[in-house]
Amino acid sequence: MAEKDKTIKRSRENKKRFPLKALLILIGVLGLEVATVLIVFALKPAPAHVVAEAALEGTEMNLEQPIEELLIEAKFSNLLRGETIIYDTQIYITIRRKHQELARTQIDTKQARISTDVAMIIARAQPAHFAEPTRATLTRQIKAAVDKRLGVDSDSQPIVEEVLVTKLIPYKADH
């Protein structure tokens, strides 16, 4: 029995001893990692200096940049379903920056004509035209009407590149 007690005491003492050897190995590995990171950062070259350039104003690149202008935002009616449907409409046009002032002045001076053209297109549109996912028929007809009103530039290119019908929400009109 005495031998069993001695082995039990030794095993308990071995379990209670602090693992100094494992701790020293762990500290050595962590020290090597820190040294490696410091050496890598010390040998790494400094980043190149960055110099900001001023924005290029008035260059050809900026003049050819496409921009969006609000063409019309209004409510138009359509009676072709047998009931009056009011469409809350918002239409933008895409133009080049060089045409911006010309387009703005022409839109301002011809706003009533453009609004009438769009109202007629929406009033005559078939129900299937409103159901198209891309609204291709309405967009094509509106672009043709806007091209007719705004015309072309000095290079015989249309001022309006694209028509964007961003909002076309139907509401039933209450009598």
N, C-alpha and C. Protein backbone atom coordinates (compact mmCIF):
# COMPACT_ATOMS: atom_id res chain seq x y z
N MET A 1 0.79 -1.18 0.00
CA MET A 1 0.00 0.00 0.00
C MET A 1 0.84 1.25 0.00
N ALA A 2 1.95 1.18 0.67
CA ALA A 2 2.82 2.33 0.78
C ALA A 2 3.33 2.74 -0.59
N GLU A 3 3.57 1.73 -1.43
CA GLU A 3 4.06 2.06 -2.77
C GLU A 3 2.98 2.75 -3.60
N LYS A 4 1.75 2.32 -3.42
CA LYS A 4 0.66 2.95 -4.15
C LYS A 4 0.48 4.39 -3.70
N ASP A 5 0.63 4.63 -2.39
CA ASP A 5 0.50 6.00 -1.87
C ASP A 5 1.60 6.88 -2.43
N LYS A 6 2.82 6.33 -2.55
CA LYS A 6 3.94 7.12 -3.08
C LYS A 6 3.70 7.46 -4.55
N THR A 7 3.22 6.52 -5.34
CA THR A 7 2.98 6.80 -6.76
C THR A 7 1.84 7.80 -6.94
N ILE A 8 0.84 7.71 -6.06
CA ILE A 8 -0.27 8.67 -6.13
C ILE A 8 0.23 10.06 -5.79
N LYS A 9 1.10 10.16 -4.75
CA LYS A 9 1.64 11.47 -4.36
C LYS A 9 2.50 12.04 -5.48
N ARG A 10 3.31 11.19 -6.13
CA ARG A 10 4.18 11.66 -7.22
C ARG A 10 3.34 12.14 -8.41
N SER A 11 2.29 11.40 -8.73
CA SER A 11 1.46 11.80 -9.86
C SER A 11 0.75 13.12 -9.56
N ARG A 12 0.34 13.31 -8.29
CA ARG A 12 -0.30 14.58 -7.92
C ARG A 12 0.71 15.72 -7.97
N GLU A 13 1.94 15.45 -7.55
CA GLU A 13 2.98 16.48 -7.58
C GLU A 13 3.32 16.84 -9.02
N ASN A 14 3.35 15.84 -9.90
CA ASN A 14 3.65 16.09 -11.31
C ASN A 14 2.55 16.94 -11.95
N LYS A 15 1.30 16.69 -11.53
CA LYS A 15 0.20 17.46 -12.08
C LYS A 15 0.22 18.89 -11.56
N LYS A 16 0.67 19.10 -10.36
CA LYS A 16 0.67 20.43 -9.77
C LYS A 16 1.84 21.27 -10.24
N ARG A 17 2.89 20.66 -10.76
CA ARG A 17 4.07 21.42 -11.19
C ARG A 17 3.74 22.29 -12.39
N PHE A 18 4.28 23.48 -12.39
CA PHE A 18 4.08 24.44 -13.48
C PHE A 18 4.90 23.99 -14.68
N PRO A 19 4.32 23.94 -15.89
CA PRO A 19 5.05 23.47 -17.08
C PRO A 19 6.01 24.55 -17.59
N LEU A 20 7.10 24.71 -16.93
CA LEU A 20 8.08 25.74 -17.26
C LEU A 20 8.67 25.54 -18.65
N LYS A 21 8.92 24.30 -19.01
CA LYS A 21 9.52 24.00 -20.30
C LYS A 21 8.60 24.44 -21.45
N ALA A 22 7.31 24.14 -21.34
CA ALA A 22 6.35 24.53 -22.38
C ALA A 22 6.21 26.04 -22.46
N LEU A 23 6.24 26.69 -21.31
CA LEU A 23 6.15 28.15 -21.28
C LEU A 23 7.35 28.79 -21.96
N LEU A 24 8.53 28.28 -21.72
CA LEU A 24 9.73 28.83 -22.36
C LEU A 24 9.69 28.63 -23.88
N ILE A 25 9.20 27.49 -24.32
CA ILE A 25 9.09 27.25 -25.76
C ILE A 25 8.08 28.22 -26.38
N LEU A 26 6.95 28.43 -25.71
CA LEU A 26 5.93 29.36 -26.20
C LEU A 26 6.47 30.79 -26.29
N ILE A 27 7.20 31.22 -25.27
CA ILE A 27 7.79 32.57 -25.28
C ILE A 27 8.81 32.69 -26.41
N GLY A 28 9.58 31.65 -26.65
CA GLY A 28 10.56 31.67 -27.73
C GLY A 28 9.90 31.79 -29.10
N VAL A 29 8.81 31.05 -29.32
CA VAL A 29 8.10 31.11 -30.61
C VAL A 29 7.49 32.50 -30.82
N LEU A 30 6.86 33.05 -29.78
CA LEU A 30 6.28 34.39 -29.90
C LEU A 30 7.37 35.44 -30.16
N GLY A 31 8.52 35.27 -29.52
CA GLY A 31 9.63 36.20 -29.76
C GLY A 31 10.11 36.13 -31.20
N LEU A 32 10.16 34.93 -31.77
CA LEU A 32 10.56 34.79 -33.17
C LEU A 32 9.54 35.45 -34.10
N GLU A 33 8.25 35.32 -33.79
CA GLU A 33 7.22 35.96 -34.61
C GLU A 33 7.35 37.47 -34.59
N VAL A 34 7.55 38.03 -33.41
CA VAL A 34 7.70 39.49 -33.29
C VAL A 34 8.93 39.95 -34.06
N ALA A 35 10.03 39.22 -33.93
CA ALA A 35 11.25 39.58 -34.64
C ALA A 35 11.04 39.52 -36.15
N THR A 36 10.33 38.51 -36.63
CA THR A 36 10.07 38.38 -38.06
C THR A 36 9.24 39.55 -38.58
N VAL A 37 8.20 39.93 -37.85
CA VAL A 37 7.36 41.05 -38.28
C VAL A 37 8.17 42.34 -38.30
N LEU A 38 8.97 42.57 -37.29
CA LEU A 38 9.79 43.79 -37.25
C LEU A 38 10.79 43.82 -38.39
N ILE A 39 11.40 42.71 -38.71
CA ILE A 39 12.37 42.67 -39.80
C ILE A 39 11.68 42.94 -41.14
N VAL A 40 10.50 42.35 -41.34
CA VAL A 40 9.78 42.56 -42.60
C VAL A 40 9.43 44.03 -42.78
N PHE A 41 8.93 44.68 -41.73
CA PHE A 41 8.58 46.09 -41.84
C PHE A 41 9.81 46.98 -41.98
N ALA A 42 10.93 46.57 -41.40
CA ALA A 42 12.15 47.36 -41.52
C ALA A 42 12.72 47.29 -42.93
N LEU A 43 12.59 46.15 -43.59
CA LEU A 43 13.15 45.99 -44.93
C LEU A 43 12.21 46.48 -46.03
N LYS A 44 10.96 46.67 -45.70
CA LYS A 44 9.97 47.10 -46.69
C LYS A 44 10.22 48.56 -47.07
N PRO A 45 10.24 48.88 -48.38
CA PRO A 45 10.47 50.27 -48.77
C PRO A 45 9.25 51.15 -48.43
N ALA A 46 9.51 52.42 -48.25
CA ALA A 46 8.44 53.38 -47.93
C ALA A 46 7.53 53.55 -49.16
N PRO A 47 6.25 53.80 -48.96
CA PRO A 47 5.36 54.01 -50.10
C PRO A 47 5.69 55.30 -50.83
N ALA A 48 5.41 55.30 -52.12
CA ALA A 48 5.67 56.49 -52.93
C ALA A 48 4.74 57.62 -52.51
N HIS A 49 5.21 58.83 -52.64
CA HIS A 49 4.40 59.99 -52.28
C HIS A 49 3.34 60.22 -53.36
N VAL A 50 2.16 60.60 -52.93
CA VAL A 50 1.03 60.82 -53.83
C VAL A 50 0.81 62.31 -53.97
N VAL A 51 0.65 62.75 -55.22
CA VAL A 51 0.40 64.16 -55.49
C VAL A 51 -0.95 64.27 -56.17
N ALA A 52 -1.82 65.09 -55.63
CA ALA A 52 -3.15 65.28 -56.22
C ALA A 52 -3.07 66.26 -57.37
N GLU A 53 -3.83 65.95 -58.43
CA GLU A 53 -3.90 66.86 -59.56
C GLU A 53 -5.24 67.57 -59.55
N ALA A 54 -5.25 68.77 -60.03
CA ALA A 54 -6.49 69.53 -60.09
C ALA A 54 -7.43 68.90 -61.11
N ALA A 55 -8.71 69.05 -60.89
CA ALA A 55 -9.70 68.51 -61.83
C ALA A 55 -9.58 69.22 -63.17
N LEU A 56 -9.76 68.47 -64.21
CA LEU A 56 -9.66 69.03 -65.55
C LEU A 56 -10.98 69.67 -65.92
N GLU A 57 -11.06 70.96 -65.84
CA GLU A 57 -12.27 71.71 -66.15
C GLU A 57 -12.23 72.16 -67.61
N GLY A 58 -13.34 71.99 -68.29
CA GLY A 58 -13.46 72.52 -69.64
C GLY A 58 -12.72 71.74 -70.70
N THR A 59 -12.25 70.56 -70.39
CA THR A 59 -11.55 69.78 -71.40
C THR A 59 -12.56 69.00 -72.22
N GLU A 60 -12.08 68.42 -73.29
CA GLU A 60 -12.94 67.63 -74.16
C GLU A 60 -13.58 66.47 -73.40
N MET A 61 -12.80 65.87 -72.49
CA MET A 61 -13.32 64.73 -71.76
C MET A 61 -14.54 65.13 -70.93
N ASN A 62 -14.48 66.27 -70.27
CA ASN A 62 -15.60 66.72 -69.45
C ASN A 62 -16.76 67.18 -70.31
N LEU A 63 -16.49 67.75 -71.46
CA LEU A 63 -17.56 68.22 -72.33
C LEU A 63 -18.34 67.06 -72.95
N GLU A 64 -17.70 65.93 -73.11
CA GLU A 64 -18.36 64.76 -73.70
C GLU A 64 -19.00 63.87 -72.64
N GLN A 65 -18.86 64.23 -71.39
CA GLN A 65 -19.43 63.42 -70.31
C GLN A 65 -20.96 63.50 -70.34
N PRO A 66 -21.64 62.35 -70.30
CA PRO A 66 -23.11 62.39 -70.31
C PRO A 66 -23.65 62.82 -68.94
N ILE A 67 -24.69 63.63 -68.97
CA ILE A 67 -25.35 64.06 -67.74
C ILE A 67 -26.85 63.89 -67.93
N GLU A 68 -27.56 63.87 -66.83
CA GLU A 68 -29.01 63.71 -66.87
C GLU A 68 -29.68 65.02 -66.46
N GLU A 69 -30.70 65.37 -67.20
CA GLU A 69 -31.49 66.58 -66.92
C GLU A 69 -32.95 66.17 -66.82
N LEU A 70 -33.65 66.76 -65.86
CA LEU A 70 -35.08 66.51 -65.73
C LEU A 70 -35.80 67.17 -66.89
N LEU A 71 -36.56 66.38 -67.62
CA LEU A 71 -37.32 66.91 -68.75
C LEU A 71 -38.70 67.34 -68.29
N ILE A 72 -39.39 66.45 -67.61
CA ILE A 72 -40.76 66.76 -67.19
C ILE A 72 -41.14 65.88 -66.01
N GLU A 73 -41.92 66.46 -65.12
CA GLU A 73 -42.49 65.72 -64.01
C GLU A 73 -43.93 66.20 -63.87
N ALA A 74 -44.87 65.33 -64.26
CA ALA A 74 -46.28 65.73 -64.27
C ALA A 74 -47.15 64.49 -64.21
N LYS A 75 -48.47 64.74 -64.21
CA LYS A 75 -49.45 63.66 -64.21
C LYS A 75 -50.23 63.74 -65.52
N PHE A 76 -50.33 62.58 -66.20
CA PHE A 76 -51.02 62.51 -67.48
C PHE A 76 -52.09 61.42 -67.41
N SER A 77 -53.13 61.57 -68.23
CA SER A 77 -54.23 60.60 -68.19
C SER A 77 -54.24 59.73 -69.44
N ASN A 78 -54.85 58.54 -69.28
CA ASN A 78 -55.02 57.59 -70.37
C ASN A 78 -56.40 56.97 -70.20
N LEU A 79 -57.20 56.97 -71.27
CA LEU A 79 -58.58 56.48 -71.22
C LEU A 79 -58.79 55.17 -71.97
N LEU A 80 -57.76 54.56 -72.51
CA LEU A 80 -57.93 53.42 -73.41
C LEU A 80 -58.33 52.13 -72.71
N ARG A 81 -58.30 52.04 -71.42
CA ARG A 81 -58.73 50.84 -70.72
C ARG A 81 -60.23 50.85 -70.42
N GLY A 82 -60.89 51.90 -70.78
CA GLY A 82 -62.30 52.02 -70.47
C GLY A 82 -62.54 52.77 -69.17
N GLU A 83 -61.48 53.12 -68.50
CA GLU A 83 -61.56 53.92 -67.28
C GLU A 83 -60.40 54.91 -67.30
N THR A 84 -60.54 55.97 -66.56
CA THR A 84 -59.49 56.99 -66.56
C THR A 84 -58.37 56.57 -65.61
N ILE A 85 -57.18 56.48 -66.16
CA ILE A 85 -55.99 56.16 -65.37
C ILE A 85 -55.07 57.38 -65.43
N ILE A 86 -54.65 57.85 -64.27
CA ILE A 86 -53.71 58.96 -64.18
C ILE A 86 -52.32 58.37 -63.94
N TYR A 87 -51.37 58.79 -64.75
CA TYR A 87 -49.99 58.31 -64.62
C TYR A 87 -49.12 59.43 -64.04
N ASP A 88 -48.58 59.17 -62.86
CA ASP A 88 -47.62 60.09 -62.25
C ASP A 88 -46.28 59.82 -62.95
N THR A 89 -45.80 60.80 -63.69
CA THR A 89 -44.69 60.58 -64.62
C THR A 89 -43.50 61.46 -64.29
N GLN A 90 -42.32 60.87 -64.43
CA GLN A 90 -41.07 61.62 -64.29
C GLN A 90 -40.15 61.14 -65.41
N ILE A 91 -39.67 62.09 -66.22
CA ILE A 91 -38.86 61.74 -67.38
C ILE A 91 -37.57 62.57 -67.36
N TYR A 92 -36.45 61.88 -67.52
CA TYR A 92 -35.14 62.53 -67.63
C TYR A 92 -34.60 62.31 -69.04
N ILE A 93 -33.70 63.19 -69.45
CA ILE A 93 -32.99 62.99 -70.70
C ILE A 93 -31.49 62.94 -70.41
N THR A 94 -30.77 62.18 -71.21
CA THR A 94 -29.32 62.13 -71.11
C THR A 94 -28.75 62.95 -72.25
N ILE A 95 -27.91 63.92 -71.89
CA ILE A 95 -27.28 64.80 -72.88
C ILE A 95 -25.79 64.90 -72.56
N ARG A 96 -25.02 65.43 -73.49
CA ARG A 96 -23.60 65.70 -73.24
C ARG A 96 -23.48 67.02 -72.49
N ARG A 97 -22.43 67.13 -71.69
CA ARG A 97 -22.23 68.35 -70.90
C ARG A 97 -22.13 69.59 -71.80
N LYS A 98 -21.58 69.42 -73.00
CA LYS A 98 -21.45 70.58 -73.89
C LYS A 98 -22.81 71.09 -74.37
N HIS A 99 -23.84 70.24 -74.31
CA HIS A 99 -25.19 70.64 -74.72
C HIS A 99 -26.06 71.09 -73.55
N GLN A 100 -25.52 71.13 -72.36
CA GLN A 100 -26.33 71.36 -71.17
C GLN A 100 -27.07 72.70 -71.20
N GLU A 101 -26.37 73.77 -71.47
CA GLU A 101 -27.01 75.10 -71.49
C GLU A 101 -28.03 75.21 -72.62
N LEU A 102 -27.67 74.72 -73.79
CA LEU A 102 -28.59 74.75 -74.92
C LEU A 102 -29.86 73.95 -74.61
N ALA A 103 -29.69 72.77 -74.04
CA ALA A 103 -30.84 71.93 -73.71
C ALA A 103 -31.71 72.58 -72.65
N ARG A 104 -31.09 73.17 -71.63
CA ARG A 104 -31.87 73.83 -70.57
C ARG A 104 -32.71 74.98 -71.12
N THR A 105 -32.10 75.81 -71.94
CA THR A 105 -32.86 76.95 -72.47
C THR A 105 -33.99 76.48 -73.39
N GLN A 106 -33.72 75.47 -74.22
CA GLN A 106 -34.77 74.97 -75.10
C GLN A 106 -35.88 74.27 -74.33
N ILE A 107 -35.53 73.56 -73.28
CA ILE A 107 -36.56 72.91 -72.45
C ILE A 107 -37.41 73.97 -71.77
N ASP A 108 -36.77 75.02 -71.27
CA ASP A 108 -37.53 76.09 -70.60
C ASP A 108 -38.45 76.82 -71.58
N THR A 109 -37.96 77.10 -72.78
CA THR A 109 -38.78 77.85 -73.73
C THR A 109 -39.85 76.99 -74.41
N LYS A 110 -39.63 75.68 -74.47
CA LYS A 110 -40.58 74.80 -75.15
C LYS A 110 -41.26 73.83 -74.18
N GLN A 111 -41.32 74.19 -72.92
CA GLN A 111 -41.88 73.29 -71.90
C GLN A 111 -43.32 72.90 -72.19
N ALA A 112 -44.14 73.85 -72.61
CA ALA A 112 -45.55 73.55 -72.88
C ALA A 112 -45.69 72.60 -74.07
N ARG A 113 -44.90 72.81 -75.11
CA ARG A 113 -44.98 71.93 -76.28
C ARG A 113 -44.52 70.51 -75.94
N ILE A 114 -43.43 70.43 -75.17
CA ILE A 114 -42.92 69.11 -74.77
C ILE A 114 -43.94 68.41 -73.88
N SER A 115 -44.52 69.14 -72.96
CA SER A 115 -45.53 68.56 -72.07
C SER A 115 -46.75 68.07 -72.86
N THR A 116 -47.16 68.84 -73.84
CA THR A 116 -48.29 68.43 -74.69
C THR A 116 -47.95 67.19 -75.49
N ASP A 117 -46.73 67.13 -76.03
CA ASP A 117 -46.32 65.94 -76.79
C ASP A 117 -46.34 64.69 -75.91
N VAL A 118 -45.79 64.81 -74.71
CA VAL A 118 -45.76 63.66 -73.79
C VAL A 118 -47.18 63.27 -73.38
N ALA A 119 -48.03 64.27 -73.13
CA ALA A 119 -49.42 63.98 -72.75
C ALA A 119 -50.14 63.24 -73.87
N MET A 120 -49.91 63.62 -75.11
CA MET A 120 -50.54 62.94 -76.24
C MET A 120 -50.03 61.51 -76.40
N ILE A 121 -48.74 61.32 -76.18
CA ILE A 121 -48.16 59.97 -76.29
C ILE A 121 -48.77 59.06 -75.22
N ILE A 122 -48.87 59.55 -74.00
CA ILE A 122 -49.43 58.73 -72.92
C ILE A 122 -50.93 58.51 -73.12
N ALA A 123 -51.64 59.53 -73.61
CA ALA A 123 -53.08 59.38 -73.83
C ALA A 123 -53.39 58.36 -74.92
N ARG A 124 -52.54 58.26 -75.93
CA ARG A 124 -52.77 57.34 -77.05
C ARG A 124 -52.15 55.96 -76.83
N ALA A 125 -51.38 55.80 -75.77
CA ALA A 125 -50.67 54.53 -75.54
C ALA A 125 -51.63 53.40 -75.22
N GLN A 126 -51.34 52.25 -75.77
CA GLN A 126 -52.13 51.05 -75.49
C GLN A 126 -51.76 50.51 -74.10
N PRO A 127 -52.65 49.79 -73.45
CA PRO A 127 -52.33 49.22 -72.13
C PRO A 127 -51.07 48.34 -72.15
N ALA A 128 -50.81 47.67 -73.26
CA ALA A 128 -49.61 46.83 -73.35
C ALA A 128 -48.33 47.65 -73.28
N HIS A 129 -48.36 48.89 -73.75
CA HIS A 129 -47.17 49.74 -73.71
C HIS A 129 -46.75 50.04 -72.27
N PHE A 130 -47.74 50.18 -71.38
CA PHE A 130 -47.42 50.46 -69.98
C PHE A 130 -46.93 49.21 -69.26
N ALA A 131 -47.27 48.04 -69.79
CA ALA A 131 -46.88 46.78 -69.16
C ALA A 131 -45.50 46.31 -69.58
N GLU A 132 -44.89 46.94 -70.57
CA GLU A 132 -43.55 46.54 -71.02
C GLU A 132 -42.55 46.77 -69.89
N PRO A 133 -41.67 45.80 -69.64
CA PRO A 133 -40.71 45.98 -68.55
C PRO A 133 -39.73 47.13 -68.79
N THR A 134 -39.35 47.35 -70.03
CA THR A 134 -38.39 48.43 -70.33
C THR A 134 -39.07 49.70 -70.82
N ARG A 135 -40.38 49.63 -71.01
CA ARG A 135 -41.16 50.77 -71.53
C ARG A 135 -40.58 51.26 -72.86
N ALA A 136 -40.15 50.32 -73.68
CA ALA A 136 -39.43 50.65 -74.92
C ALA A 136 -40.28 51.47 -75.88
N THR A 137 -41.55 51.13 -76.03
CA THR A 137 -42.40 51.85 -76.98
C THR A 137 -42.60 53.29 -76.54
N LEU A 138 -42.94 53.49 -75.28
CA LEU A 138 -43.13 54.86 -74.77
C LEU A 138 -41.83 55.66 -74.85
N THR A 139 -40.73 55.03 -74.45
CA THR A 139 -39.43 55.72 -74.48
C THR A 139 -39.07 56.14 -75.90
N ARG A 140 -39.27 55.25 -76.85
CA ARG A 140 -38.95 55.56 -78.25
C ARG A 140 -39.81 56.71 -78.77
N GLN A 141 -41.11 56.69 -78.46
CA GLN A 141 -42.00 57.75 -78.93
C GLN A 141 -41.66 59.09 -78.27
N ILE A 142 -41.36 59.07 -76.99
CA ILE A 142 -41.00 60.32 -76.29
C ILE A 142 -39.69 60.85 -76.82
N LYS A 143 -38.72 59.97 -77.09
CA LYS A 143 -37.43 60.44 -77.64
C LYS A 143 -37.63 61.09 -79.00
N ALA A 144 -38.47 60.50 -79.84
CA ALA A 144 -38.74 61.10 -81.16
C ALA A 144 -39.37 62.48 -81.01
N ALA A 145 -40.30 62.63 -80.08
CA ALA A 145 -40.94 63.93 -79.87
C ALA A 145 -39.95 64.95 -79.32
N VAL A 146 -39.09 64.53 -78.40
CA VAL A 146 -38.10 65.45 -77.81
C VAL A 146 -37.05 65.83 -78.85
N ASP A 147 -36.62 64.87 -79.66
CA ASP A 147 -35.66 65.18 -80.73
C ASP A 147 -36.25 66.20 -81.70
N LYS A 148 -37.53 66.07 -81.97
CA LYS A 148 -38.20 67.02 -82.87
C LYS A 148 -38.21 68.42 -82.26
N ARG A 149 -38.43 68.52 -80.96
CA ARG A 149 -38.50 69.83 -80.29
C ARG A 149 -37.12 70.44 -80.03
N LEU A 150 -36.15 69.63 -79.61
CA LEU A 150 -34.84 70.18 -79.25
C LEU A 150 -33.87 70.23 -80.42
N GLY A 151 -34.08 69.42 -81.43
CA GLY A 151 -33.25 69.48 -82.63
C GLY A 151 -31.91 68.81 -82.50
N VAL A 152 -30.97 69.29 -83.33
CA VAL A 152 -29.63 68.71 -83.39
C VAL A 152 -28.60 69.80 -83.11
N ASP A 153 -27.36 69.36 -82.82
CA ASP A 153 -26.29 70.33 -82.57
C ASP A 153 -25.61 70.72 -83.88
N SER A 154 -24.50 71.42 -83.80
CA SER A 154 -23.79 71.90 -84.99
C SER A 154 -23.18 70.76 -85.81
N ASP A 155 -22.99 69.60 -85.19
CA ASP A 155 -22.44 68.44 -85.89
C ASP A 155 -23.54 67.52 -86.43
N SER A 156 -24.77 68.00 -86.45
CA SER A 156 -25.94 67.24 -86.89
C SER A 156 -26.20 66.00 -86.04
N GLN A 157 -25.76 66.03 -84.80
CA GLN A 157 -26.03 64.96 -83.84
C GLN A 157 -27.19 65.38 -82.95
N PRO A 158 -28.11 64.47 -82.62
CA PRO A 158 -29.22 64.87 -81.74
C PRO A 158 -28.70 65.30 -80.37
N ILE A 159 -29.32 66.31 -79.82
CA ILE A 159 -28.91 66.81 -78.50
C ILE A 159 -29.21 65.77 -77.43
N VAL A 160 -30.35 65.12 -77.55
CA VAL A 160 -30.76 64.12 -76.56
C VAL A 160 -30.23 62.76 -76.99
N GLU A 161 -29.46 62.13 -76.10
CA GLU A 161 -28.93 60.80 -76.40
C GLU A 161 -29.88 59.70 -75.97
N GLU A 162 -30.56 59.92 -74.85
CA GLU A 162 -31.41 58.87 -74.30
C GLU A 162 -32.52 59.50 -73.48
N VAL A 163 -33.66 58.86 -73.47
CA VAL A 163 -34.79 59.28 -72.64
C VAL A 163 -34.96 58.22 -71.56
N LEU A 164 -35.08 58.67 -70.32
CA LEU A 164 -35.24 57.76 -69.18
C LEU A 164 -36.58 58.04 -68.51
N VAL A 165 -37.48 57.10 -68.61
CA VAL A 165 -38.77 57.22 -67.92
C VAL A 165 -38.57 56.58 -66.55
N THR A 166 -38.27 57.41 -65.56
CA THR A 166 -37.92 56.89 -64.24
C THR A 166 -39.13 56.59 -63.37
N LYS A 167 -40.24 57.26 -63.65
CA LYS A 167 -41.43 57.02 -62.84
C LYS A 167 -42.65 57.05 -63.75
N LEU A 168 -43.46 56.02 -63.65
CA LEU A 168 -44.70 55.93 -64.42
C LEU A 168 -45.68 55.12 -63.58
N ILE A 169 -46.25 55.78 -62.59
CA ILE A 169 -47.10 55.11 -61.60
C ILE A 169 -48.57 55.36 -61.94
N PRO A 170 -49.34 54.28 -62.16
CA PRO A 170 -50.76 54.45 -62.50
C PRO A 170 -51.63 54.62 -61.25
N TYR A 171 -52.63 55.50 -61.36
CA TYR A 171 -53.65 55.69 -60.32
C TYR A 171 -55.00 55.75 -61.01
N LYS A 172 -55.98 55.10 -60.43
CA LYS A 172 -57.34 55.21 -60.97
C LYS A 172 -57.91 56.56 -60.57
N ALA A 173 -58.52 57.23 -61.54
CA ALA A 173 -59.13 58.53 -61.26
C ALA A 173 -60.51 58.31 -60.66
N ASP A 174 -60.77 58.98 -59.56
CA ASP A 174 -62.09 58.89 -58.93
C ASP A 174 -63.02 59.90 -59.56
N HIS A 175 -64.21 59.48 -59.89
CA HIS A 175 -65.16 60.39 -60.54
C HIS A 175 -65.93 61.15 -59.51
